Amino acid sequence: MSDLRDFQRCANFLLNSGESILIIAPTGLGKTRAALQPFVNSRTQCGLLGTRLIYTLPLRALSRGVEDECKSLGVIPVIHHGDEPESEYFSERAIITTIDQCLTAFAGAPLSWASHLSHAAAGAVLTSYSIFDEVHLLSPQRGLQLLFALLYLRKRWGLLSCVMTATLPPSVIEFFQKFCGLVKIEASQEDIGQRDGWRKVYLQLEGTKDSDKFVWGEKDEKSLAELVIERWNAWKSLDVDGPQKVIVFVNTVDRAIRVYDELKNFFQNQDGPKVILSHSRFTRDDRKNVEDKLSQLFGKTANHDPAILVTTQVAEAGLNISAPLVITELCPMDSLIQRVGRCQRFKPDGNQELRGRVIVVKPAGDNWYVPYTEKVRLVEVGHDKKDKEKRNTSEWFPAIEFTEIVLKKEAGNQELLLNWEKEQELIEKALDRLYGAYLSGITDVEFFKGEEPFNALFERHKPKKQKAEEIEEEAKGKTEEE
């Protein structure tokens, strides 16, 4: 236990005391081990903690990293999801599964077994220590709500749960505590220093300054590939440390494939880097082959061969990979911070400082925000009781614009040094008020008149003024009704 970090020791103590927990710590600091170690230590103990482990993930592609972590601690798990339905109604001692499998088994209507086995699957979930990882990947309007309901019932029935996050806003964390009964565990300053003490990662936005106003340089697949090539050829001037490796995050699989094709075609006739593509549509065997390559080129013990990885959401969580340069399309702030966590992830030997860089680009086109399609409205209210009666409502717009406008304000005119404190600040500014609305079951986000960055977004999406003839027609209609 002496080699554990403060938050890992705290997790072990609380779980062994029968408390369900919420672990909050930076990416790459060991949350998975914090959740698994108490189960490993309980092999010879009685009680729920040592009976059965169900490790739940939002995406099936993330199971490989958790499987490796389990094996490193001496636990051999069974993987169970749509591609690998290997479990016998969750009867094994350690199971890695997906949220859909867990929820349906909990409800007594499992997806993967005959109906007469439903009671066995439900019973297994009810006699398990359950871990819920990478919960930021769940839809804030649907997936998180289901998880809240599941955790609430587990609390009522005295079942032991562990939820882990690095990127949820305060409003959601508070809800986990109050509604789901989870005890919050945060990384200590000493814990955080074990990452931020040596890791210096700078974030910059791709665009231009026009009279001190930042303007995004929007990129389609071809121009995004050209940006990667440009940075690759100018590697020595990037002020980053380590071997020449780049991770490129693209928001959709189809776009990722096209960016990969562009890079592959450019480098194929020269002594260039290995270019790899990773996304969620690979078959089981192909995915294993790709993950083996990723481990060799971007893993903790990777070689120094030059390489470029083009990937999607599948690599922003769960895959233990790293590169000195990360180029990513604009995405919600929680996902962005997860992607940042793949830059200079592994601590070097000794006291060496490692510099890394993350470049954010905005996709081109009217539907640039896909697949993050949730839409919301802003509601402007006054500061006092008299003014609060006056409510002005914006038009509907993509919720990802909260992240876009916060990034412009924070990093539009200068690069930004990211540490744990700054990451939490960015998440709160971009997501806290938004997720608070979701938790209330609404999609209207209130703000006070003049409050930034909401005011700037409201001005961008003010309702269009009615044409004179429409107003006249509407007034005429009301007169006739009277």
Protein backbone atom coordinates (compact mmCIF):
# COMPACT_ATOMS: atom_id res chain seq x y z
CA MET A 1 0.00 0.00 0.00
CA SER A 2 2.98 2.31 0.46
CA ASP A 3 3.34 2.77 -3.29
CA LEU A 4 -0.25 4.00 -3.69
CA ARG A 5 -1.15 7.65 -4.14
CA ASP A 6 -3.20 9.47 -1.52
CA PHE A 7 -6.50 9.16 -3.40
CA GLN A 8 -5.86 5.47 -4.08
CA ARG A 9 -5.34 4.77 -0.36
CA CYS A 10 -8.48 6.76 0.45
CA ALA A 11 -10.50 4.74 -2.06
CA ASN A 12 -9.26 1.51 -0.54
CA PHE A 13 -10.21 2.62 2.98
CA LEU A 14 -13.72 3.84 2.08
CA LEU A 15 -14.64 0.84 -0.08
CA ASN A 16 -13.51 -1.55 2.66
CA SER A 17 -15.67 0.50 5.04
CA GLY A 18 -18.71 -0.15 2.85
CA GLU A 19 -18.91 3.30 1.26
CA SER A 20 -19.64 3.85 -2.45
CA ILE A 21 -17.27 6.41 -3.94
CA LEU A 22 -16.73 8.98 -6.67
CA ILE A 23 -13.04 9.32 -7.66
CA ILE A 24 -11.98 12.66 -9.16
CA ALA A 25 -8.41 12.81 -10.45
CA PRO A 26 -6.48 13.93 -13.56
CA THR A 27 -6.14 11.67 -16.58
CA GLY A 28 -3.28 9.22 -16.35
CA LEU A 29 -2.94 9.34 -12.56
CA GLY A 30 -4.23 5.85 -11.76
CA LYS A 31 -8.00 5.98 -11.20
CA THR A 32 -8.43 2.47 -12.63
CA ARG A 33 -5.96 1.03 -10.14
CA ALA A 34 -7.66 2.93 -7.31
CA ALA A 35 -10.94 1.20 -8.17
CA LEU A 36 -9.45 -2.27 -8.75
CA GLN A 37 -6.94 -2.56 -5.92
CA PRO A 38 -9.55 -2.91 -3.11
CA PHE A 39 -11.17 -5.79 -5.01
CA VAL A 40 -7.78 -7.48 -5.48
CA ASN A 41 -6.97 -7.07 -1.78
CA SER A 42 -10.34 -8.60 -0.80
CA ARG A 43 -9.71 -12.04 -2.26
CA THR A 44 -9.60 -13.69 1.13
CA GLN A 45 -12.21 -11.43 2.73
CA CYS A 46 -15.94 -11.89 3.01
CA GLY A 47 -18.42 -9.26 1.90
CA LEU A 48 -19.63 -7.67 -1.30
CA LEU A 49 -16.32 -6.04 -2.24
CA GLY A 50 -14.58 -9.37 -2.74
CA THR A 51 -17.48 -11.36 -4.20
CA ARG A 52 -17.74 -10.24 -7.82
CA LEU A 53 -16.47 -7.34 -9.93
CA ILE A 54 -18.43 -5.85 -12.82
CA TYR A 55 -16.41 -3.16 -14.59
CA THR A 56 -18.68 -1.09 -16.85
CA LEU A 57 -17.52 1.06 -19.78
CA PRO A 58 -19.49 3.22 -22.24
CA LEU A 59 -17.69 1.81 -25.31
CA ARG A 60 -16.70 -1.77 -26.07
CA ALA A 61 -13.44 -0.60 -27.65
CA LEU A 62 -12.16 0.54 -24.23
CA SER A 63 -12.17 -2.94 -22.70
CA ARG A 64 -8.63 -3.87 -23.77
CA GLY A 65 -6.94 -1.26 -21.56
CA VAL A 66 -8.96 -2.30 -18.50
CA GLU A 67 -8.25 -5.97 -19.21
CA ASP A 68 -4.50 -5.24 -19.24
CA GLU A 69 -4.78 -3.32 -15.95
CA CYS A 70 -6.70 -6.20 -14.33
CA LYS A 71 -4.12 -8.75 -15.46
CA SER A 72 -1.28 -6.59 -14.12
CA LEU A 73 -2.94 -6.89 -10.68
CA GLY A 74 -3.40 -10.66 -10.98
CA VAL A 75 -7.09 -10.63 -11.97
CA ILE A 76 -8.13 -12.49 -15.14
CA PRO A 77 -11.42 -10.94 -16.31
CA VAL A 78 -14.02 -12.09 -18.81
CA ILE A 79 -15.01 -9.55 -21.48
CA HIS A 80 -18.69 -9.35 -22.31
CA HIS A 81 -20.25 -7.11 -24.95
CA GLY A 82 -21.85 -7.39 -28.39
CA ASP A 83 -18.66 -8.52 -30.14
CA GLU A 84 -17.41 -10.70 -27.28
CA PRO A 85 -20.33 -12.25 -25.34
CA GLU A 86 -18.01 -14.47 -23.30
CA SER A 87 -19.68 -14.35 -19.89
CA GLU A 88 -22.10 -16.97 -18.59
CA TYR A 89 -24.85 -14.70 -17.20
CA PHE A 90 -22.24 -12.69 -15.24
CA SER A 91 -21.33 -15.70 -13.11
CA GLU A 92 -17.55 -15.15 -13.29
CA ARG A 93 -15.61 -13.36 -10.56
CA ALA A 94 -14.47 -10.42 -12.74
CA ILE A 95 -16.38 -9.15 -15.80
CA ILE A 96 -15.67 -6.19 -18.09
CA THR A 97 -18.82 -5.11 -19.89
CA THR A 98 -20.59 -2.16 -21.51
CA ILE A 99 -23.25 0.09 -20.05
CA ASP A 100 -26.05 -1.38 -22.21
CA GLN A 101 -25.26 -4.90 -21.00
CA CYS A 102 -25.12 -3.77 -17.38
CA LEU A 103 -28.35 -1.78 -17.46
CA THR A 104 -30.38 -4.52 -19.14
CA ALA A 105 -29.03 -7.21 -16.81
CA PHE A 106 -29.86 -4.99 -13.82
CA ALA A 107 -33.41 -4.65 -15.13
CA GLY A 108 -33.75 -8.43 -15.50
CA ALA A 109 -33.91 -8.25 -19.31
CA PRO A 110 -30.33 -9.01 -20.44
CA LEU A 111 -29.42 -8.56 -24.08
CA SER A 112 -27.14 -11.55 -24.43
CA TRP A 113 -28.91 -14.49 -22.77
CA ALA A 114 -32.18 -16.39 -23.00
CA SER A 115 -35.07 -14.96 -20.97
CA HIS A 116 -35.08 -17.87 -18.53
CA LEU A 117 -31.59 -16.78 -17.41
CA SER A 118 -32.65 -13.19 -16.70
CA HIS A 119 -32.92 -13.78 -12.97
CA ALA A 120 -29.36 -15.12 -12.86
CA ALA A 121 -27.91 -12.07 -14.63
CA ALA A 122 -29.88 -9.68 -12.40
CA GLY A 123 -28.79 -11.58 -9.32
CA ALA A 124 -25.16 -11.39 -10.37
CA VAL A 125 -25.38 -7.59 -10.71
CA LEU A 126 -26.99 -7.41 -7.27
CA THR A 127 -24.12 -9.36 -5.69
CA SER A 128 -21.33 -7.35 -7.26
CA TYR A 129 -18.97 -4.50 -6.61
CA SER A 130 -19.63 -2.34 -9.70
CA ILE A 131 -17.23 0.17 -11.26
CA PHE A 132 -18.44 2.77 -13.77
CA ASP A 133 -15.57 4.26 -15.76
CA GLU A 134 -15.27 7.01 -18.41
CA VAL A 135 -18.76 8.27 -17.53
CA HIS A 136 -18.10 11.55 -19.37
CA LEU A 137 -18.71 9.60 -22.61
CA LEU A 138 -22.34 8.99 -21.65
CA SER A 139 -24.92 11.35 -23.12
CA PRO A 140 -25.57 14.07 -20.51
CA GLN A 141 -29.27 14.08 -21.40
CA ARG A 142 -29.89 10.32 -21.53
CA GLY A 143 -26.95 8.11 -20.53
CA LEU A 144 -26.10 9.99 -17.35
CA GLN A 145 -29.75 10.02 -16.28
CA LEU A 146 -29.91 6.22 -16.54
CA LEU A 147 -26.69 5.90 -14.57
CA PHE A 148 -28.10 8.17 -11.86
CA ALA A 149 -31.19 5.96 -11.57
CA LEU A 150 -29.07 2.79 -11.40
CA LEU A 151 -26.77 4.23 -8.73
CA TYR A 152 -29.73 5.52 -6.71
CA LEU A 153 -31.22 2.02 -6.55
CA ARG A 154 -27.84 0.50 -5.72
CA LYS A 155 -27.55 2.94 -2.84
CA ARG A 156 -31.02 2.00 -1.52
CA TRP A 157 -30.15 -1.69 -1.65
CA GLY A 158 -26.75 -1.31 -0.02
CA LEU A 159 -24.73 -2.27 -3.10
CA LEU A 160 -21.15 -1.07 -3.47
CA SER A 161 -20.33 1.23 -6.42
CA CYS A 162 -17.38 3.24 -7.71
CA VAL A 163 -17.63 6.02 -10.32
CA MET A 164 -14.55 7.64 -11.85
CA THR A 165 -14.10 10.93 -13.67
CA ALA A 166 -11.56 13.56 -14.60
CA THR A 167 -13.83 15.80 -16.60
CA LEU A 168 -17.32 16.23 -15.15
CA PRO A 169 -18.47 19.71 -14.04
CA PRO A 170 -19.31 20.55 -10.40
CA SER A 171 -23.08 20.36 -10.95
CA VAL A 172 -22.85 16.68 -11.94
CA ILE A 173 -20.37 15.83 -9.19
CA GLU A 174 -22.71 17.35 -6.61
CA PHE A 175 -25.60 15.34 -8.04
CA PHE A 176 -23.61 12.10 -7.74
CA GLN A 177 -22.99 12.94 -4.09
CA LYS A 178 -26.49 14.01 -3.06
CA PHE A 179 -28.73 11.80 -5.20
CA CYS A 180 -26.55 8.69 -5.56
CA GLY A 181 -24.91 8.73 -2.13
CA LEU A 182 -21.31 8.61 -3.41
CA VAL A 183 -18.47 9.84 -1.20
CA LYS A 184 -16.20 12.17 -3.17
CA ILE A 185 -12.47 11.41 -3.27
CA GLU A 186 -10.20 13.98 -4.87
CA ALA A 187 -6.54 13.73 -5.82
CA SER A 188 -4.36 15.57 -3.31
CA GLN A 189 -1.95 18.35 -4.25
CA GLU A 190 0.86 15.84 -3.85
CA ASP A 191 -0.93 13.44 -6.20
CA ILE A 192 -1.47 16.16 -8.78
CA GLY A 193 2.16 17.23 -8.54
CA GLN A 194 3.17 13.76 -9.67
CA ARG A 195 1.68 14.66 -13.06
CA ASP A 196 1.84 18.43 -13.36
CA GLY A 197 5.27 18.69 -11.76
CA TRP A 198 7.04 17.38 -14.86
CA ARG A 199 4.41 17.66 -17.62
CA LYS A 200 4.09 21.01 -19.43
CA VAL A 201 1.37 20.87 -22.09
CA TYR A 202 0.36 23.98 -24.04
CA LEU A 203 -2.95 24.38 -25.84
CA GLN A 204 -3.38 26.61 -28.90
CA LEU A 205 -6.18 27.24 -31.36
CA GLU A 206 -5.67 27.06 -35.12
CA GLY A 207 -6.75 30.34 -36.65
CA THR A 208 -5.83 33.99 -37.13
CA LYS A 209 -6.12 37.21 -35.16
CA ASP A 210 -8.11 39.93 -36.87
CA SER A 211 -7.82 43.23 -34.94
CA ASP A 212 -7.21 41.28 -31.73
CA LYS A 213 -10.24 39.11 -32.50
CA PHE A 214 -9.58 35.42 -33.02
CA VAL A 215 -11.00 33.81 -36.18
CA TRP A 216 -11.01 30.03 -36.53
CA GLY A 217 -9.15 28.55 -39.49
CA GLU A 218 -11.78 25.96 -40.39
CA LYS A 219 -10.46 22.68 -41.77
CA ASP A 220 -11.98 20.04 -43.98
CA GLU A 221 -10.37 16.58 -44.20
CA LYS A 222 -7.81 17.63 -46.82
CA SER A 223 -6.72 20.82 -45.07
CA LEU A 224 -6.58 19.02 -41.70
CA ALA A 225 -4.20 16.47 -43.23
CA GLU A 226 -2.16 19.34 -44.69
CA LEU A 227 -1.92 20.89 -41.21
CA VAL A 228 -0.62 17.60 -39.80
CA ILE A 229 1.98 17.39 -42.59
CA GLU A 230 3.00 21.01 -42.06
CA ARG A 231 3.57 20.45 -38.33
CA TRP A 232 5.34 17.17 -39.04
CA ASN A 233 7.82 18.87 -41.38
CA ALA A 234 8.38 21.70 -38.88
CA TRP A 235 8.87 19.36 -35.91
CA LYS A 236 12.06 20.96 -34.59
CA SER A 237 10.38 24.35 -34.28
CA LEU A 238 7.36 23.07 -32.29
CA ASP A 239 9.15 23.19 -28.92
CA VAL A 240 8.07 19.71 -27.84
CA ASP A 241 10.08 16.90 -26.26
CA GLY A 242 10.35 13.26 -27.20
CA PRO A 243 10.16 11.12 -30.33
CA GLN A 244 8.35 12.36 -33.43
CA LYS A 245 4.83 11.07 -32.87
CA VAL A 246 1.43 12.71 -33.46
CA ILE A 247 -2.09 11.76 -32.41
CA VAL A 248 -4.86 13.27 -34.57
CA PHE A 249 -8.40 13.19 -33.13
CA VAL A 250 -11.23 13.46 -35.67
CA ASN A 251 -14.85 13.62 -34.51
CA THR A 252 -16.43 11.12 -36.93
CA VAL A 253 -15.26 7.80 -38.34
CA ASP A 254 -15.90 8.81 -41.97
CA ARG A 255 -13.83 11.99 -41.60
CA ALA A 256 -11.08 10.08 -39.82
CA ILE A 257 -10.85 7.61 -42.70
CA ARG A 258 -10.52 10.44 -45.23
CA VAL A 259 -7.82 12.20 -43.17
CA TYR A 260 -5.98 8.89 -42.85
CA ASP A 261 -6.17 8.31 -46.62
CA GLU A 262 -4.76 11.79 -47.29
CA LEU A 263 -1.82 11.21 -44.94
CA LYS A 264 -1.20 7.68 -46.17
CA ASN A 265 -1.10 8.85 -49.79
CA PHE A 266 1.28 11.70 -48.96
CA PHE A 267 3.82 9.60 -47.05
CA GLN A 268 3.62 6.35 -49.03
CA ASN A 269 6.41 7.17 -51.51
CA GLN A 270 8.88 8.54 -48.98
CA ASP A 271 10.69 7.43 -45.88
CA GLY A 272 8.04 8.90 -43.63
CA PRO A 273 6.18 7.88 -40.47
CA LYS A 274 3.98 4.88 -39.93
CA VAL A 275 0.39 6.08 -40.32
CA ILE A 276 -2.23 4.18 -38.30
CA LEU A 277 -6.02 4.41 -38.23
CA SER A 278 -8.08 3.45 -35.17
CA HIS A 279 -11.86 3.74 -34.77
CA SER A 280 -14.85 1.86 -33.37
CA ARG A 281 -15.89 0.06 -36.57
CA PHE A 282 -13.01 -2.41 -36.66
CA THR A 283 -13.81 -6.08 -36.22
CA ARG A 284 -12.59 -7.83 -33.09
CA ASP A 285 -9.46 -9.28 -34.73
CA ASP A 286 -8.60 -6.08 -36.58
CA ARG A 287 -9.07 -4.02 -33.43
CA LYS A 288 -6.68 -6.29 -31.52
CA ASN A 289 -4.04 -5.92 -34.25
CA VAL A 290 -4.40 -2.14 -34.23
CA GLU A 291 -4.19 -1.98 -30.43
CA ASP A 292 -1.00 -4.05 -30.54
CA LYS A 293 0.49 -1.52 -32.98
CA LEU A 294 -0.62 1.37 -30.80
CA SER A 295 1.08 -0.20 -27.80
CA GLN A 296 4.31 -0.58 -29.77
CA LEU A 297 4.27 2.96 -31.16
CA PHE A 298 2.37 5.06 -28.58
CA GLY A 299 2.28 2.96 -25.39
CA LYS A 300 4.20 3.30 -22.16
CA THR A 301 7.12 1.23 -23.46
CA ALA A 302 6.82 2.41 -27.08
CA ASN A 303 9.74 2.42 -29.48
CA HIS A 304 11.02 5.66 -31.02
CA ASP A 305 9.81 4.99 -34.57
CA PRO A 306 8.12 8.05 -36.14
CA ALA A 307 4.35 7.55 -36.24
CA ILE A 308 1.02 9.30 -36.78
CA LEU A 309 -2.23 7.98 -35.33
CA VAL A 310 -5.56 9.13 -36.78
CA THR A 311 -8.35 8.22 -34.39
CA THR A 312 -11.74 9.17 -32.96
CA GLN A 313 -13.51 9.30 -29.59
CA VAL A 314 -12.40 5.70 -29.08
CA ALA A 315 -8.88 6.82 -28.08
CA GLU A 316 -9.76 9.78 -25.88
CA ALA A 317 -10.39 7.49 -22.92
CA GLY A 318 -9.28 4.03 -21.95
CA LEU A 319 -6.36 3.70 -24.37
CA ASN A 320 -3.07 4.19 -22.56
CA ILE A 321 -1.23 6.05 -25.32
CA SER A 322 0.79 9.24 -25.60
CA ALA A 323 2.45 11.61 -28.07
CA PRO A 324 4.31 14.95 -27.79
CA LEU A 325 1.88 16.55 -30.28
CA VAL A 326 -1.91 16.13 -30.29
CA ILE A 327 -4.03 17.74 -33.02
CA THR A 328 -7.76 17.57 -32.36
CA GLU A 329 -10.98 18.77 -33.88
CA LEU A 330 -13.08 20.99 -31.66
CA CYS A 331 -15.22 18.90 -29.30
CA PRO A 332 -17.03 19.39 -25.95
CA MET A 333 -14.69 20.51 -23.16
CA ASP A 334 -14.82 17.24 -21.22
CA SER A 335 -13.80 15.27 -24.31
CA LEU A 336 -11.14 17.85 -25.14
CA ILE A 337 -9.52 17.51 -21.72
CA GLN A 338 -9.54 13.73 -22.14
CA ARG A 339 -7.75 14.14 -25.48
CA VAL A 340 -5.26 16.51 -23.86
CA GLY A 341 -4.56 13.66 -21.44
CA ARG A 342 -2.99 11.74 -24.35
CA CYS A 343 -0.25 14.37 -24.69
CA GLN A 344 2.94 13.60 -22.73
CA ARG A 345 1.08 11.04 -20.62
CA PHE A 346 4.02 8.98 -19.35
CA LYS A 347 6.43 10.22 -16.73
CA PRO A 348 10.09 10.04 -17.81
CA ASP A 349 12.89 8.61 -15.70
CA GLY A 350 14.47 11.10 -13.35
CA ASN A 351 13.39 14.73 -13.04
CA GLN A 352 13.20 15.55 -16.73
CA GLU A 353 10.50 18.03 -17.78
CA LEU A 354 8.51 17.12 -20.89
CA ARG A 355 6.87 19.77 -23.05
CA GLY A 356 3.92 18.91 -25.25
CA ARG A 357 1.48 20.74 -27.49
CA VAL A 358 -2.23 20.39 -28.28
CA ILE A 359 -3.66 22.16 -31.35
CA VAL A 360 -7.44 22.57 -31.64
CA VAL A 361 -9.00 23.01 -35.10
CA LYS A 362 -12.61 23.75 -35.99
CA PRO A 363 -14.12 21.48 -38.67
CA ALA A 364 -15.38 23.19 -41.82
CA GLY A 365 -19.01 23.29 -42.92
CA ASP A 366 -22.42 24.22 -41.53
CA ASN A 367 -22.69 20.94 -39.61
CA TRP A 368 -19.21 21.19 -38.10
CA TYR A 369 -20.53 20.17 -34.67
CA VAL A 370 -21.53 16.61 -35.70
CA PRO A 371 -21.67 14.18 -33.86
CA TYR A 372 -22.25 16.52 -30.90
CA THR A 373 -25.74 17.49 -32.02
CA GLU A 374 -27.51 18.35 -28.72
CA LYS A 375 -29.14 21.79 -29.05
CA VAL A 376 -30.07 24.26 -26.31
CA ARG A 377 -31.33 27.82 -25.84
CA LEU A 378 -30.12 30.68 -23.69
CA VAL A 379 -32.57 32.57 -21.47
CA GLU A 380 -31.55 36.07 -20.42
CA VAL A 381 -32.90 37.19 -17.03
CA GLY A 382 -32.44 40.35 -14.97
CA HIS A 383 -30.51 40.71 -11.72
CA ASP A 384 -33.37 41.85 -9.49
CA LYS A 385 -36.94 40.69 -8.94
CA LYS A 386 -38.39 43.33 -11.23
CA ASP A 387 -36.05 42.58 -14.10
CA LYS A 388 -36.22 38.82 -13.61
CA GLU A 389 -39.77 38.84 -14.95
CA LYS A 390 -38.34 39.88 -18.31
CA ARG A 391 -37.03 36.76 -20.04
CA ASN A 392 -35.45 36.93 -23.48
CA THR A 393 -34.85 33.61 -25.19
CA SER A 394 -32.32 32.87 -27.93
CA GLU A 395 -32.78 30.59 -30.91
CA TRP A 396 -31.70 26.96 -30.65
CA PHE A 397 -27.98 26.32 -31.18
CA PRO A 398 -25.52 23.40 -30.70
CA ALA A 399 -24.46 23.03 -27.07
CA ILE A 400 -20.84 22.54 -28.18
CA GLU A 401 -20.73 26.31 -28.80
CA PHE A 402 -20.31 26.79 -25.04
CA THR A 403 -16.92 25.10 -25.39
CA GLU A 404 -16.09 26.94 -28.59
CA ILE A 405 -16.65 30.40 -27.11
CA VAL A 406 -14.81 29.60 -23.85
CA LEU A 407 -11.79 28.39 -25.83
CA LYS A 408 -11.80 31.54 -27.96
CA LYS A 409 -11.84 33.71 -24.84
CA GLU A 410 -9.17 31.73 -22.97
CA ALA A 411 -6.78 30.73 -25.77
CA GLY A 412 -7.73 32.73 -28.86
CA ASN A 413 -4.91 35.24 -28.54
CA GLN A 414 -2.32 33.20 -26.64
CA GLU A 415 -1.31 29.63 -25.96
CA LEU A 416 -2.55 28.21 -22.68
CA LEU A 417 -0.54 26.13 -20.19
CA LEU A 418 -2.82 23.33 -19.04
CA ASN A 419 -2.64 21.90 -15.55
CA TRP A 420 -5.26 20.26 -13.32
CA GLU A 421 -6.50 23.59 -11.93
CA LYS A 422 -6.86 25.14 -15.39
CA GLU A 423 -8.56 22.03 -16.79
CA GLN A 424 -11.16 22.14 -14.01
CA GLU A 425 -11.70 25.85 -14.61
CA LEU A 426 -12.32 25.32 -18.33
CA ILE A 427 -14.76 22.48 -17.67
CA GLU A 428 -16.72 24.55 -15.16
CA LYS A 429 -16.94 27.58 -17.48
CA ALA A 430 -18.02 25.55 -20.51
CA LEU A 431 -20.22 22.85 -19.01
CA ASP A 432 -21.41 23.52 -15.46
CA ARG A 433 -24.42 25.73 -16.23
CA LEU A 434 -25.28 23.57 -19.25
CA TYR A 435 -25.21 20.28 -17.34
CA GLY A 436 -27.11 21.90 -14.50
CA ALA A 437 -29.95 22.55 -16.95
CA TYR A 438 -29.81 18.95 -18.17
CA LEU A 439 -30.05 17.71 -14.57
CA SER A 440 -33.22 19.76 -14.19
CA GLY A 441 -34.68 18.07 -17.27
CA ILE A 442 -34.60 21.21 -19.41
CA THR A 443 -32.57 22.57 -22.32
CA ASP A 444 -32.88 26.27 -21.47
CA VAL A 445 -29.75 27.71 -19.86
CA GLU A 446 -30.38 30.84 -17.80
CA PHE A 447 -27.88 33.67 -17.46
CA PHE A 448 -27.89 37.23 -16.14
CA LYS A 449 -27.95 40.08 -18.61
CA GLY A 450 -24.38 40.97 -19.56
CA GLU A 451 -22.87 37.81 -18.05
CA GLU A 452 -20.06 36.35 -20.14
CA PRO A 453 -19.49 34.16 -22.05
CA PHE A 454 -23.26 33.61 -22.20
CA ASN A 455 -23.99 37.15 -23.35
CA ALA A 456 -21.74 36.79 -26.40
CA LEU A 457 -23.48 33.53 -27.33
CA PHE A 458 -26.88 35.14 -26.83
CA GLU A 459 -25.95 38.00 -29.15
CA ARG A 460 -24.85 35.44 -31.73
CA HIS A 461 -28.19 33.63 -31.57
CA LYS A 462 -30.70 36.42 -30.96
CA PRO A 463 -34.11 35.68 -32.46
CA LYS A 464 -34.50 37.18 -35.89
CA LYS A 465 -36.76 40.22 -35.97
CA GLN A 466 -40.13 39.69 -37.54
CA LYS A 467 -40.79 41.39 -40.82
CA ALA A 468 -43.14 44.40 -40.69
CA GLU A 469 -45.88 42.60 -42.66
CA GLU A 470 -45.72 39.59 -40.27
CA ILE A 471 -46.15 41.86 -37.24
CA GLU A 472 -49.05 43.65 -38.92
CA GLU A 473 -50.72 40.32 -39.81
CA GLU A 474 -50.28 39.05 -36.24
CA ALA A 475 -51.76 42.25 -34.77
CA LYS A 476 -54.70 42.05 -37.20
CA GLY A 477 -55.36 38.47 -36.13
CA LYS A 478 -55.47 39.43 -32.46
CA THR A 479 -57.88 42.30 -33.19
CA GLU A 480 -60.24 39.99 -35.02
CA GLU A 481 -60.17 37.50 -32.14
CA GLU A 482 -61.11 40.25 -29.69
